[in-house]
Structures are given as structure tokens and as C-alpha cells.
Amino acid sequence: MSISAAESRPLARQVEVTVDELRVTLADGRKLSVPLAWFPRLLNAPPDKRDKWKLLGDGEGIHWPQVDEDLSVEGLLVGVPAPSASTPES
């Protein structure tokens, strides 16, 4: 049995922004949790603006219209912070 490319794409279904984490539930049941510090726009936005998000496409991405932030699910899975985020050196 083969899986089509559309069926194998990671798709977001639910998003939650806490004080220090971005949590995303995927259609296949996986749950991602990434540091909010990776996304300074979200980190610095008031909670009421963080709570207003929309899924892009079928869930390939997440958009916060009032924060002007767009994130891809694939980028979250790979662990890509925003270019302006400061991350600890390894």
C-alpha cells in the first residue's frame, strides 16, 4: 500500500500559544511543542493577538494576521526558529 504525497504531508489542526511555548497538534495525532522565544513576534504580541490564528491551506502553515507572523508546519518539525530569534550556541 502506498501513501500519496498529500497524505504524508504534516498538517496542523490545532494551535495553542502559552506563555513560553507554541504547541501544535497535527492531523496524524502528533503534538509539537517549540519555544516561543524562537518567534519574537509571537513572544512580544499580547495574548489576545496570539490567540487569533488561521490555518493556511489544508494546515500546511499557521498565520497570525494581527501579529504578521506565518509559520510552516514543516519548518516547525525541522526546528527552524525565526531568523531574528536568538538561540543558544551549541
C-alpha atoms as a PDB file:
ATOM      1  CA  MET A   1       0.000   0.000   0.000  1.00  0.00           C
ATOM      2  CA  SER A   2       1.445   3.357  -0.970  1.00  0.00           C
ATOM      3  CA  ILE A   3       0.832   6.712   0.664  1.00  0.00           C
ATOM      4  CA  SER A   4       0.300   9.722  -1.580  1.00  0.00           C
ATOM      5  CA  ALA A   5       2.304  12.921  -1.060  1.00  0.00           C
ATOM      6  CA  ALA A   6      -0.845  14.697   0.144  1.00  0.00           C
ATOM      7  CA  GLU A   7      -1.485  12.033   2.793  1.00  0.00           C
ATOM      8  CA  SER A   8       2.096  12.134   4.069  1.00  0.00           C
ATOM      9  CA  ARG A   9       2.315  15.919   4.496  1.00  0.00           C
ATOM     10  CA  PRO A  10       2.258  17.087   8.105  1.00  0.00           C
ATOM     11  CA  LEU A  11      -0.859  19.209   8.633  1.00  0.00           C
ATOM     12  CA  ALA A  12      -1.782  21.335  11.637  1.00  0.00           C
ATOM     13  CA  ARG A  13      -5.228  21.024  13.165  1.00  0.00           C
ATOM     14  CA  GLN A  14      -4.968  22.916  16.463  1.00  0.00           C
ATOM     15  CA  VAL A  15      -2.686  25.660  17.759  1.00  0.00           C
ATOM     16  CA  GLU A  16      -2.069  26.915  21.281  1.00  0.00           C
ATOM     17  CA  VAL A  17       0.293  29.671  22.372  1.00  0.00           C
ATOM     18  CA  THR A  18       1.261  29.598  26.040  1.00  0.00           C
ATOM     19  CA  VAL A  19       3.476  31.997  27.948  1.00  0.00           C
ATOM     20  CA  ASP A  20       6.611  30.223  26.732  1.00  0.00           C
ATOM     21  CA  GLU A  21       5.625  27.630  24.090  1.00  0.00           C
ATOM     22  CA  LEU A  22       3.950  27.234  20.740  1.00  0.00           C
ATOM     23  CA  ARG A  23       2.001  23.955  20.708  1.00  0.00           C
ATOM     24  CA  VAL A  24       0.645  22.477  17.500  1.00  0.00           C
ATOM     25  CA  THR A  25      -1.464  19.344  17.155  1.00  0.00           C
ATOM     26  CA  LEU A  26      -1.102  17.631  13.781  1.00  0.00           C
ATOM     27  CA  ALA A  27      -3.761  15.763  11.835  1.00  0.00           C
ATOM     28  CA  ASP A  28      -1.930  12.466  12.423  1.00  0.00           C
ATOM     29  CA  GLY A  29      -2.070  12.931  16.206  1.00  0.00           C
ATOM     30  CA  ARG A  30       1.483  14.157  16.799  1.00  0.00           C
ATOM     31  CA  LYS A  31       1.914  17.151  19.070  1.00  0.00           C
ATOM     32  CA  LEU A  32       4.713  19.663  18.631  1.00  0.00           C
ATOM     33  CA  SER A  33       5.972  21.988  21.306  1.00  0.00           C
ATOM     34  CA  VAL A  34       8.584  24.626  20.464  1.00  0.00           C
ATOM     35  CA  PRO A  35       9.988  27.528  22.474  1.00  0.00           C
ATOM     36  CA  LEU A  36       8.068  30.747  21.932  1.00  0.00           C
ATOM     37  CA  ALA A  37      11.432  32.559  22.100  1.00  0.00           C
ATOM     38  CA  TRP A  38      12.081  31.188  18.596  1.00  0.00           C
ATOM     39  CA  PHE A  39       9.372  33.516  17.287  1.00  0.00           C
ATOM     40  CA  PRO A  40       9.904  37.039  18.681  1.00  0.00           C
ATOM     41  CA  ARG A  41       6.794  38.473  17.016  1.00  0.00           C
ATOM     42  CA  LEU A  42       4.605  35.965  18.808  1.00  0.00           C
ATOM     43  CA  LEU A  43       6.588  36.239  22.034  1.00  0.00           C
ATOM     44  CA  ASN A  44       6.120  40.011  22.123  1.00  0.00           C
ATOM     45  CA  ALA A  45       2.491  40.044  20.974  1.00  0.00           C
ATOM     46  CA  PRO A  46      -0.308  40.440  23.504  1.00  0.00           C
ATOM     47  CA  PRO A  47      -2.136  37.171  24.329  1.00  0.00           C
ATOM     48  CA  ASP A  48      -5.365  38.286  22.624  1.00  0.00           C
ATOM     49  CA  LYS A  49      -3.483  38.688  19.312  1.00  0.00           C
ATOM     50  CA  ARG A  50      -1.631  35.384  19.720  1.00  0.00           C
ATOM     51  CA  ASP A  51      -4.956  33.592  20.112  1.00  0.00           C
ATOM     52  CA  LYS A  52      -6.202  34.772  16.700  1.00  0.00           C
ATOM     53  CA  TRP A  53      -4.608  32.387  14.229  1.00  0.00           C
ATOM     54  CA  LYS A  54      -5.709  30.793  10.947  1.00  0.00           C
ATOM     55  CA  LEU A  55      -4.540  27.646   9.234  1.00  0.00           C
ATOM     56  CA  LEU A  56      -3.042  28.165   5.784  1.00  0.00           C
ATOM     57  CA  GLY A  57      -4.057  25.779   3.029  1.00  0.00           C
ATOM     58  CA  ASP A  58      -5.059  22.415   4.462  1.00  0.00           C
ATOM     59  CA  GLY A  59      -2.966  23.081   7.561  1.00  0.00           C
ATOM     60  CA  GLU A  60       0.478  23.348   5.955  1.00  0.00           C
ATOM     61  CA  GLY A  61       1.018  26.617   7.780  1.00  0.00           C
ATOM     62  CA  ILE A  62      -0.275  28.901  10.511  1.00  0.00           C
ATOM     63  CA  HIS A  63      -0.968  32.628  10.121  1.00  0.00           C
ATOM     64  CA  TRP A  64      -1.446  35.256  12.833  1.00  0.00           C
ATOM     65  CA  PRO A  65      -2.986  38.234  10.970  1.00  0.00           C
ATOM     66  CA  GLN A  66      -2.687  40.695  13.846  1.00  0.00           C
ATOM     67  CA  VAL A  67       0.939  39.758  14.519  1.00  0.00           C
ATOM     68  CA  ASP A  68       2.060  39.446  10.865  1.00  0.00           C
ATOM     69  CA  GLU A  69       3.569  36.007  11.502  1.00  0.00           C
ATOM     70  CA  ASP A  70       3.452  32.951   9.254  1.00  0.00           C
ATOM     71  CA  LEU A  71       4.947  29.581  10.178  1.00  0.00           C
ATOM     72  CA  SER A  72       5.093  26.354   8.222  1.00  0.00           C
ATOM     73  CA  VAL A  73       4.463  23.022   9.884  1.00  0.00           C
ATOM     74  CA  GLU A  74       7.458  21.544   8.067  1.00  0.00           C
ATOM     75  CA  GLY A  75       9.670  24.315   9.478  1.00  0.00           C
ATOM     76  CA  LEU A  76       8.411  23.573  12.977  1.00  0.00           C
ATOM     77  CA  LEU A  77       9.163  19.877  12.529  1.00  0.00           C
ATOM     78  CA  VAL A  78      12.683  20.611  11.322  1.00  0.00           C
ATOM     79  CA  GLY A  79      13.243  23.018  14.212  1.00  0.00           C
ATOM     80  CA  VAL A  80      13.714  26.270  12.333  1.00  0.00           C
ATOM     81  CA  PRO A  81      13.453  29.399  14.519  1.00  0.00           C
ATOM     82  CA  ALA A  82      12.645  32.800  13.030  1.00  0.00           C
ATOM     83  CA  PRO A  83      15.745  34.472  11.531  1.00  0.00           C
ATOM     84  CA  SER A  84      15.621  37.248  14.145  1.00  0.00           C
ATOM     85  CA  ALA A  85      15.379  34.846  17.108  1.00  0.00           C
ATOM     86  CA  SER A  86      18.417  34.447  19.275  1.00  0.00           C
ATOM     87  CA  THR A  87      19.143  30.829  20.037  1.00  0.00           C
ATOM     88  CA  PRO A  88      21.839  29.460  22.327  1.00  0.00           C
ATOM     89  CA  GLU A  89      25.033  28.410  20.588  1.00  0.00           C
ATOM     90  CA  SER A  90      25.712  24.666  20.521  1.00  0.00           C
END
